[in-house]
PDB file of N, CA and C in Angstrom:
ATOM      1  N   GLY A   1      97.614 107.531 -79.162  1.00  0.00           N
ATOM      2  CA  GLY A   1      98.421 107.000 -78.116  1.00  0.00           C
ATOM      3  C   GLY A   1      98.350 107.861 -76.873  1.00  0.00           C
ATOM      4  N   PHE A   2      98.954 107.372 -75.829  1.00  0.00           N
ATOM      5  CA  PHE A   2      98.999 108.068 -74.557  1.00  0.00           C
ATOM      6  C   PHE A   2     100.389 108.637 -74.342  1.00  0.00           C
ATOM      7  N   ARG A   3     100.445 109.771 -73.668  1.00  0.00           N
ATOM      8  CA  ARG A   3     101.731 110.416 -73.442  1.00  0.00           C
ATOM      9  C   ARG A   3     101.838 110.823 -71.976  1.00  0.00           C
ATOM     10  N   HIS A   4     102.931 110.403 -71.348  1.00  0.00           N
ATOM     11  CA  HIS A   4     103.223 110.765 -69.962  1.00  0.00           C
ATOM     12  C   HIS A   4     104.560 111.493 -69.952  1.00  0.00           C
ATOM     13  N   TYR A   5     104.621 112.628 -69.281  1.00  0.00           N
ATOM     14  CA  TYR A   5     105.885 113.347 -69.193  1.00  0.00           C
ATOM     15  C   TYR A   5     105.947 114.176 -67.924  1.00  0.00           C
ATOM     16  N   VAL A   6     107.179 114.533 -67.547  1.00  0.00           N
ATOM     17  CA  VAL A   6     107.448 115.298 -66.332  1.00  0.00           C
ATOM     18  C   VAL A   6     108.220 116.550 -66.729  1.00  0.00           C
ATOM     19  N   VAL A   7     107.829 117.688 -66.148  1.00  0.00           N
ATOM     20  CA  VAL A   7     108.507 118.953 -66.418  1.00  0.00           C
ATOM     21  C   VAL A   7     109.059 119.499 -65.100  1.00  0.00           C
ATOM     22  N   ASN A   8     110.374 119.722 -65.062  1.00  0.00           N
ATOM     23  CA  ASN A   8     111.031 120.366 -63.922  1.00  0.00           C
ATOM     24  C   ASN A   8     111.370 121.786 -64.335  1.00  0.00           C
ATOM     25  N   SER A   9     111.113 122.744 -63.441  1.00  0.00           N
ATOM     26  CA  SER A   9     111.443 124.125 -63.792  1.00  0.00           C
ATOM     27  C   SER A   9     111.890 124.906 -62.568  1.00  0.00           C
ATOM     28  N   CYS A  10     112.664 125.950 -62.849  1.00  0.00           N
ATOM     29  CA  CYS A  10     113.119 126.883 -61.833  1.00  0.00           C
ATOM     30  C   CYS A  10     112.696 128.273 -62.281  1.00  0.00           C
ATOM     31  N   GLU A  11     111.899 128.932 -61.487  1.00  0.00           N
ATOM     32  CA  GLU A  11     111.508 130.308 -61.774  1.00  0.00           C
ATOM     33  C   GLU A  11     112.211 131.195 -60.767  1.00  0.00           C
ATOM     34  N   PHE A  12     112.777 132.308 -61.270  1.00  0.00           N
ATOM     35  CA  PHE A  12     113.573 133.139 -60.363  1.00  0.00           C
ATOM     36  C   PHE A  12     113.566 134.595 -60.798  1.00  0.00           C
ATOM     37  N   ASN A  13     113.732 135.478 -59.802  1.00  0.00           N
ATOM     38  CA  ASN A  13     113.869 136.912 -60.027  1.00  0.00           C
ATOM     39  C   ASN A  13     115.308 137.364 -59.824  1.00  0.00           C
ATOM     40  N   SER A  14     116.061 136.586 -59.075  1.00  0.00           N
ATOM     41  CA  SER A  14     117.471 136.872 -58.819  1.00  0.00           C
ATOM     42  C   SER A  14     118.151 135.551 -58.494  1.00  0.00           C
ATOM     43  N   SER A  15     119.438 135.599 -58.234  1.00  0.00           N
ATOM     44  CA  SER A  15     120.161 134.374 -57.909  1.00  0.00           C
ATOM     45  C   SER A  15     120.126 134.047 -56.416  1.00  0.00           C
ATOM     46  N   LYS A  16     119.340 134.791 -55.633  1.00  0.00           N
ATOM     47  CA  LYS A  16     119.188 134.493 -54.201  1.00  0.00           C
ATOM     48  C   LYS A  16     118.236 133.312 -54.033  1.00  0.00           C
ATOM     49  N   LEU A  17     118.550 132.439 -53.088  1.00  0.00           N
ATOM     50  CA  LEU A  17     117.767 131.222 -52.876  1.00  0.00           C
ATOM     51  C   LEU A  17     116.298 131.527 -52.575  1.00  0.00           C
ATOM     52  N   ASN A  18     116.021 132.603 -51.848  1.00  0.00           N
ATOM     53  CA  ASN A  18     114.642 132.952 -51.511  1.00  0.00           C
ATOM     54  C   ASN A  18     113.825 133.394 -52.715  1.00  0.00           C
ATOM     55  N   ASP A  19     114.483 133.812 -53.798  1.00  0.00           N
ATOM     56  CA  ASP A  19     113.790 134.286 -54.997  1.00  0.00           C
ATOM     57  C   ASP A  19     113.614 133.200 -56.048  1.00  0.00           C
ATOM     58  N   ILE A  20     113.850 131.951 -55.668  1.00  0.00           N
ATOM     59  CA  ILE A  20     113.771 130.830 -56.607  1.00  0.00           C
ATOM     60  C   ILE A  20     112.621 129.910 -56.198  1.00  0.00           C
ATOM     61  N   GLU A  21     111.855 129.462 -57.202  1.00  0.00           N
ATOM     62  CA  GLU A  21     110.834 128.443 -56.953  1.00  0.00           C
ATOM     63  C   GLU A  21     111.093 127.263 -57.883  1.00  0.00           C
ATOM     64  N   TYR A  22     111.172 126.088 -57.299  1.00  0.00           N
ATOM     65  CA  TYR A  22     111.344 124.851 -58.056  1.00  0.00           C
ATOM     66  C   TYR A  22     110.001 124.161 -58.166  1.00  0.00           C
ATOM     67  N   THR A  23     109.639 123.713 -59.367  1.00  0.00           N
ATOM     68  CA  THR A  23     108.415 122.932 -59.538  1.00  0.00           C
ATOM     69  C   THR A  23     108.715 121.681 -60.360  1.00  0.00           C
ATOM     70  N   GLU A  24     107.986 120.641 -60.048  1.00  0.00           N
ATOM     71  CA  GLU A  24     108.037 119.392 -60.804  1.00  0.00           C
ATOM     72  C   GLU A  24     106.594 118.999 -61.078  1.00  0.00           C
ATOM     73  N   SER A  25     106.206 118.995 -62.349  1.00  0.00           N
ATOM     74  CA  SER A  25     104.828 118.714 -62.746  1.00  0.00           C
ATOM     75  C   SER A  25     104.758 117.441 -63.573  1.00  0.00           C
ATOM     76  N   TYR A  26     103.765 116.605 -63.279  1.00  0.00           N
ATOM     77  CA  TYR A  26     103.533 115.361 -63.995  1.00  0.00           C
ATOM     78  C   TYR A  26     102.278 115.517 -64.854  1.00  0.00           C
ATOM     79  N   TYR A  27     102.403 115.118 -66.132  1.00  0.00           N
ATOM     80  CA  TYR A  27     101.307 115.247 -67.086  1.00  0.00           C
ATOM     81  C   TYR A  27     100.982 113.889 -67.698  1.00  0.00           C
ATOM     82  N   TYR A  28      99.707 113.707 -67.978  1.00  0.00           N
ATOM     83  CA  TYR A  28      99.252 112.544 -68.724  1.00  0.00           C
ATOM     84  C   TYR A  28      98.250 113.051 -69.754  1.00  0.00           C
ATOM     85  N   ASN A  29      98.542 112.834 -71.036  1.00  0.00           N
ATOM     86  CA  ASN A  29      97.703 113.335 -72.132  1.00  0.00           C
ATOM     87  C   ASN A  29      97.410 114.826 -71.993  1.00  0.00           C
ATOM     88  N   LYS A  30      98.441 115.605 -71.754  1.00  0.00           N
ATOM     89  CA  LYS A  30      98.402 117.066 -71.660  1.00  0.00           C
ATOM     90  C   LYS A  30      97.682 117.594 -70.419  1.00  0.00           C
ATOM     91  N   LEU A  31      97.268 116.726 -69.505  1.00  0.00           N
ATOM     92  CA  LEU A  31      96.582 117.135 -68.283  1.00  0.00           C
ATOM     93  C   LEU A  31      97.530 116.980 -67.093  1.00  0.00           C
ATOM     94  N   GLU A  32      97.804 118.086 -66.403  1.00  0.00           N
ATOM     95  CA  GLU A  32      98.650 118.015 -65.216  1.00  0.00           C
ATOM     96  C   GLU A  32      97.853 117.351 -64.103  1.00  0.00           C
ATOM     97  N   TYR A  33      98.422 116.278 -63.544  1.00  0.00           N
ATOM     98  CA  TYR A  33      97.682 115.571 -62.500  1.00  0.00           C
ATOM     99  C   TYR A  33      98.328 115.663 -61.125  1.00  0.00           C
ATOM    100  N   ILE A  34      99.601 116.058 -61.043  1.00  0.00           N
ATOM    101  CA  ILE A  34     100.248 116.240 -59.745  1.00  0.00           C
ATOM    102  C   ILE A  34     101.423 117.198 -59.910  1.00  0.00           C
ATOM    103  N   ARG A  35     101.697 117.994 -58.857  1.00  0.00           N
ATOM    104  CA  ARG A  35     102.799 118.964 -58.906  1.00  0.00           C
ATOM    105  C   ARG A  35     103.439 119.085 -57.531  1.00  0.00           C
ATOM    106  N   PHE A  36     104.780 119.185 -57.559  1.00  0.00           N
ATOM    107  CA  PHE A  36     105.523 119.579 -56.373  1.00  0.00           C
ATOM    108  C   PHE A  36     105.981 121.008 -56.582  1.00  0.00           C
ATOM    109  N   SER A  37     105.782 121.845 -55.587  1.00  0.00           N
ATOM    110  CA  SER A  37     106.254 123.229 -55.634  1.00  0.00           C
ATOM    111  C   SER A  37     107.052 123.500 -54.372  1.00  0.00           C
ATOM    112  N   SER A  38     108.236 124.088 -54.534  1.00  0.00           N
ATOM    113  CA  SER A  38     109.060 124.375 -53.361  1.00  0.00           C
ATOM    114  C   SER A  38     108.423 125.442 -52.474  1.00  0.00           C
ATOM    115  N   SER A  39     107.585 126.290 -53.037  1.00  0.00           N
ATOM    116  CA  SER A  39     106.931 127.309 -52.208  1.00  0.00           C
ATOM    117  C   SER A  39     105.841 126.694 -51.325  1.00  0.00           C
ATOM    118  N   VAL A  40     105.231 125.607 -51.773  1.00  0.00           N
ATOM    119  CA  VAL A  40     104.238 124.891 -50.967  1.00  0.00           C
ATOM    120  C   VAL A  40     104.933 123.859 -50.087  1.00  0.00           C
ATOM    121  N   GLY A  41     105.996 123.234 -50.616  1.00  0.00           N
ATOM    122  CA  GLY A  41     106.776 122.268 -49.844  1.00  0.00           C
ATOM    123  C   GLY A  41     106.229 120.861 -49.852  1.00  0.00           C
ATOM    124  N   LYS A  42     105.277 120.592 -50.737  1.00  0.00           N
ATOM    125  CA  LYS A  42     104.704 119.247 -50.824  1.00  0.00           C
ATOM    126  C   LYS A  42     104.063 119.046 -52.189  1.00  0.00           C
ATOM    127  N   TYR A  43     103.652 117.805 -52.448  1.00  0.00           N
ATOM    128  CA  TYR A  43     102.948 117.481 -53.681  1.00  0.00           C
ATOM    129  C   TYR A  43     101.475 117.845 -53.535  1.00  0.00           C
ATOM    130  N   VAL A  44     100.888 118.319 -54.633  1.00  0.00           N
ATOM    131  CA  VAL A  44      99.456 118.630 -54.682  1.00  0.00           C
ATOM    132  C   VAL A  44      98.884 117.910 -55.891  1.00  0.00           C
ATOM    133  N   GLY A  45      97.804 117.168 -55.689  1.00  0.00           N
ATOM    134  CA  GLY A  45      97.161 116.443 -56.772  1.00  0.00           C
ATOM    135  C   GLY A  45      95.997 117.230 -57.349  1.00  0.00           C
ATOM    136  N   PHE A  46      95.790 117.085 -58.665  1.00  0.00           N
ATOM    137  CA  PHE A  46      94.722 117.802 -59.354  1.00  0.00           C
ATOM    138  C   PHE A  46      93.652 116.874 -59.920  1.00  0.00           C
ATOM    139  N   THR A  47      93.918 115.578 -59.941  1.00  0.00           N
ATOM    140  CA  THR A  47      92.951 114.580 -60.381  1.00  0.00           C
ATOM    141  C   THR A  47      92.838 113.535 -59.279  1.00  0.00           C
ATOM    142  N   GLU A  48      91.905 112.614 -59.449  1.00  0.00           N
ATOM    143  CA  GLU A  48      91.748 111.558 -58.445  1.00  0.00           C
ATOM    144  C   GLU A  48      93.051 110.760 -58.289  1.00  0.00           C
ATOM    145  N   HIS A  49      93.654 110.393 -59.398  1.00  0.00           N
ATOM    146  CA  HIS A  49      94.926 109.667 -59.370  1.00  0.00           C
ATOM    147  C   HIS A  49      96.029 110.526 -58.745  1.00  0.00           C
ATOM    148  N   GLY A  50      96.078 111.812 -59.097  1.00  0.00           N
ATOM    149  CA  GLY A  50      97.089 112.727 -58.561  1.00  0.00           C
ATOM    150  C   GLY A  50      96.947 112.937 -57.065  1.00  0.00           C
ATOM    151  N   ILE A  51      95.736 113.034 -56.591  1.00  0.00           N
ATOM    152  CA  ILE A  51      95.492 113.232 -55.154  1.00  0.00           C
ATOM    153  C   ILE A  51      95.966 112.015 -54.360  1.00  0.00           C
ATOM    154  N   LYS A  52      95.683 110.813 -54.888  1.00  0.00           N
ATOM    155  CA  LYS A  52      96.139 109.593 -54.204  1.00  0.00           C
ATOM    156  C   LYS A  52      97.667 109.523 -54.166  1.00  0.00           C
ATOM    157  N   ASN A  53      98.313 109.846 -55.287  1.00  0.00           N
ATOM    158  CA  ASN A  53      99.776 109.828 -55.307  1.00  0.00           C
ATOM    159  C   ASN A  53     100.361 110.913 -54.423  1.00  0.00           C
ATOM    160  N   ALA A  54      99.761 112.096 -54.415  1.00  0.00           N
ATOM    161  CA  ALA A  54     100.255 113.184 -53.569  1.00  0.00           C
ATOM    162  C   ALA A  54     100.234 112.778 -52.106  1.00  0.00           C
ATOM    163  N   GLU A  55      99.161 112.145 -51.684  1.00  0.00           N
ATOM    164  CA  GLU A  55      99.055 111.707 -50.290  1.00  0.00           C
ATOM    165  C   GLU A  55     100.153 110.688 -49.962  1.00  0.00           C
ATOM    166  N   ARG A  56     100.372 109.746 -50.871  1.00  0.00           N
ATOM    167  CA  ARG A  56     101.396 108.712 -50.655  1.00  0.00           C
ATOM    168  C   ARG A  56     102.796 109.313 -50.693  1.00  0.00           C
ATOM    169  N   TRP A  57     103.078 110.173 -51.671  1.00  0.00           N
ATOM    170  CA  TRP A  57     104.411 110.762 -51.813  1.00  0.00           C
ATOM    171  C   TRP A  57     104.729 111.736 -50.693  1.00  0.00           C
ATOM    172  N   ASN A  58     103.734 112.450 -50.193  1.00  0.00           N
ATOM    173  CA  ASN A  58     103.968 113.396 -49.097  1.00  0.00           C
ATOM    174  C   ASN A  58     104.280 112.690 -47.785  1.00  0.00           C
ATOM    175  N   ASN A  59     103.955 111.410 -47.691  1.00  0.00           N
ATOM    176  CA  ASN A  59     104.251 110.636 -46.489  1.00  0.00           C
ATOM    177  C   ASN A  59     105.447 109.712 -46.667  1.00  0.00           C
ATOM    178  N   GLY A  60     106.167 109.863 -47.764  1.00  0.00           N
ATOM    179  CA  GLY A  60     107.303 108.993 -48.044  1.00  0.00           C
ATOM    180  C   GLY A  60     108.569 109.787 -48.319  1.00  0.00           C
ATOM    181  N   PRO A  61     109.605 109.085 -48.777  1.00  0.00           N
ATOM    182  CA  PRO A  61     110.897 109.742 -49.023  1.00  0.00           C
ATOM    183  C   PRO A  61     110.884 110.668 -50.243  1.00  0.00           C
ATOM    184  N   GLU A  62     109.889 110.540 -51.115  1.00  0.00           N
ATOM    185  CA  GLU A  62     109.831 111.358 -52.328  1.00  0.00           C
ATOM    186  C   GLU A  62     109.796 112.842 -52.017  1.00  0.00           C
ATOM    187  N   VAL A  63     108.989 113.246 -51.044  1.00  0.00           N
ATOM    188  CA  VAL A  63     108.844 114.674 -50.735  1.00  0.00           C
ATOM    189  C   VAL A  63     110.142 115.237 -50.146  1.00  0.00           C
ATOM    190  N   ILE A  64     110.867 114.447 -49.401  1.00  0.00           N
ATOM    191  CA  ILE A  64     112.128 114.909 -48.806  1.00  0.00           C
ATOM    192  C   ILE A  64     113.158 115.180 -49.902  1.00  0.00           C
ATOM    193  N   SER A  65     113.248 114.281 -50.867  1.00  0.00           N
ATOM    194  CA  SER A  65     114.213 114.491 -51.952  1.00  0.00           C
ATOM    195  C   SER A  65     113.816 115.674 -52.831  1.00  0.00           C
ATOM    196  N   ARG A  66     112.526 115.902 -53.050  1.00  0.00           N
ATOM    197  CA  ARG A  66     112.075 117.048 -53.856  1.00  0.00           C
ATOM    198  C   ARG A  66     112.385 118.367 -53.158  1.00  0.00           C
ATOM    199  N   ARG A  67     112.266 118.409 -51.852  1.00  0.00           N
ATOM    200  CA  ARG A  67     112.545 119.652 -51.115  1.00  0.00           C
ATOM    201  C   ARG A  67     113.996 120.087 -51.290  1.00  0.00           C
ATOM    202  N   ALA A  68     114.890 119.148 -51.498  1.00  0.00           N
ATOM    203  CA  ALA A  68     116.311 119.465 -51.673  1.00  0.00           C
ATOM    204  C   ALA A  68     116.645 119.914 -53.091  1.00  0.00           C
ATOM    205  N   GLU A  69     115.740 119.694 -54.035  1.00  0.00           N
ATOM    206  CA  GLU A  69     116.017 120.016 -55.436  1.00  0.00           C
ATOM    207  C   GLU A  69     116.149 121.514 -55.695  1.00  0.00           C
ATOM    208  N   LYS A  70     115.475 122.331 -54.943  1.00  0.00           N
ATOM    209  CA  LYS A  70     115.581 123.776 -55.142  1.00  0.00           C
ATOM    210  C   LYS A  70     117.034 124.219 -55.023  1.00  0.00           C
ATOM    211  N   GLU A  71     117.691 123.738 -54.005  1.00  0.00           N
ATOM    212  CA  GLU A  71     119.091 124.117 -53.804  1.00  0.00           C
ATOM    213  C   GLU A  71     120.027 123.345 -54.744  1.00  0.00           C
ATOM    214  N   ARG A  72     119.805 122.040 -54.893  1.00  0.00           N
ATOM    215  CA  ARG A  72     120.694 121.216 -55.707  1.00  0.00           C
ATOM    216  C   ARG A  72     120.570 121.535 -57.197  1.00  0.00           C
ATOM    217  N   TYR A  73     119.354 121.601 -57.698  1.00  0.00           N
ATOM    218  CA  TYR A  73     119.125 121.747 -59.133  1.00  0.00           C
ATOM    219  C   TYR A  73     119.058 123.220 -59.556  1.00  0.00           C
ATOM    220  N   CYS A  74     118.276 124.018 -58.865  1.00  0.00           N
ATOM    221  CA  CYS A  74     118.058 125.410 -59.282  1.00  0.00           C
ATOM    222  C   CYS A  74     119.200 126.337 -58.874  1.00  0.00           C
ATOM    223  N   PHE A  75     119.496 126.368 -57.600  1.00  0.00           N
ATOM    224  CA  PHE A  75     120.454 127.344 -57.081  1.00  0.00           C
ATOM    225  C   PHE A  75     121.806 127.238 -57.778  1.00  0.00           C
ATOM    226  N   ARG A  76     122.235 126.019 -58.065  1.00  0.00           N
ATOM    227  CA  ARG A  76     123.525 125.814 -58.729  1.00  0.00           C
ATOM    228  C   ARG A  76     123.532 126.374 -60.145  1.00  0.00           C
ATOM    229  N   ASN A  77     122.394 126.335 -60.826  1.00  0.00           N
ATOM    230  CA  ASN A  77     122.334 126.722 -62.233  1.00  0.00           C
ATOM    231  C   ASN A  77     121.818 128.137 -62.478  1.00  0.00           C
ATOM    232  N   VAL A  78     121.054 128.691 -61.559  1.00  0.00           N
ATOM    233  CA  VAL A  78     120.492 130.025 -61.752  1.00  0.00           C
ATOM    234  C   VAL A  78     121.589 131.069 -61.899  1.00  0.00           C
ATOM    235  N   GLY A  79     122.637 130.963 -61.115  1.00  0.00           N
ATOM    236  CA  GLY A  79     123.742 131.918 -61.228  1.00  0.00           C
ATOM    237  C   GLY A  79     124.332 131.929 -62.625  1.00  0.00           C
ATOM    238  N   ASN A  80     124.477 130.745 -63.224  1.00  0.00           N
ATOM    239  CA  ASN A  80     124.994 130.645 -64.592  1.00  0.00           C
ATOM    240  C   ASN A  80     124.025 131.283 -65.583  1.00  0.00           C
ATOM    241  N   ASP A  81     122.726 131.038 -65.405  1.00  0.00           N
ATOM    242  CA  ASP A  81     121.717 131.594 -66.308  1.00  0.00           C
ATOM    243  C   ASP A  81     121.660 133.119 -66.206  1.00  0.00           C
ATOM    244  N   VAL A  82     121.726 133.635 -64.988  1.00  0.00           N
ATOM    245  CA  VAL A  82     121.686 135.097 -64.787  1.00  0.00           C
ATOM    246  C   VAL A  82     122.919 135.728 -65.431  1.00  0.00           C
ATOM    247  N   GLU A  83     124.077 135.159 -65.200  1.00  0.00           N
ATOM    248  CA  GLU A  83     125.315 135.685 -65.774  1.00  0.00           C
ATOM    249  C   GLU A  83     125.268 135.663 -67.301  1.00  0.00           C
ATOM    250  N   ALA A  84     124.789 134.585 -67.882  1.00  0.00           N
ATOM    251  CA  ALA A  84     124.689 134.473 -69.337  1.00  0.00           C
ATOM    252  C   ALA A  84     123.720 135.502 -69.888  1.00  0.00           C
ATOM    253  N   ALA A  85     122.596 135.721 -69.212  1.00  0.00           N
ATOM    254  CA  ALA A  85     121.611 136.697 -69.691  1.00  0.00           C
ATOM    255  C   ALA A  85     122.151 138.123 -69.593  1.00  0.00           C
ATOM    256  N   LEU A  86     122.875 138.421 -68.510  1.00  0.00           N
ATOM    257  CA  LEU A  86     123.403 139.774 -68.337  1.00  0.00           C
ATOM    258  C   LEU A  86     124.494 140.101 -69.344  1.00  0.00           C
ATOM    259  N   THR A  87     125.290 139.124 -69.709  1.00  0.00           N
ATOM    260  CA  THR A  87     126.364 139.397 -70.669  1.00  0.00           C
ATOM    261  C   THR A  87     125.845 139.542 -72.086  1.00  0.00           C
ATOM    262  N   LYS A  88     124.639 139.051 -72.354  1.00  0.00           N
ATOM    263  CA  LYS A  88     124.075 139.154 -73.705  1.00  0.00           C
ATOM    264  C   LYS A  88     123.101 140.314 -73.852  1.00  0.00           C
ATOM    265  N   SER A  89     122.755 140.968 -72.757  1.00  0.00           N
ATOM    266  CA  SER A  89     121.771 142.037 -72.864  1.00  0.00           C
ATOM    267  C   SER A  89     122.449 143.388 -73.102  1.00  0.00           C
TER     268      SER A  89
END
């Protein structure tokens, strides 16, 4: 069978907004074909299909909503993760 999935992640060194990177990666059959990275600020395609979607998404509302995810999704939760890790170490 075929498998399609999306992975959202926040990588961080501290709870400061500048030290956080948000990524959203799309996979099909274990092959990443497109990714949004907050450090790049746009979608990047890795396959022919991914490149076409990246071009379309970078010119539409999708890229604007992804740019806000670093603050909405990561920044709100990183503080909780850092606090939980520090209290257990």
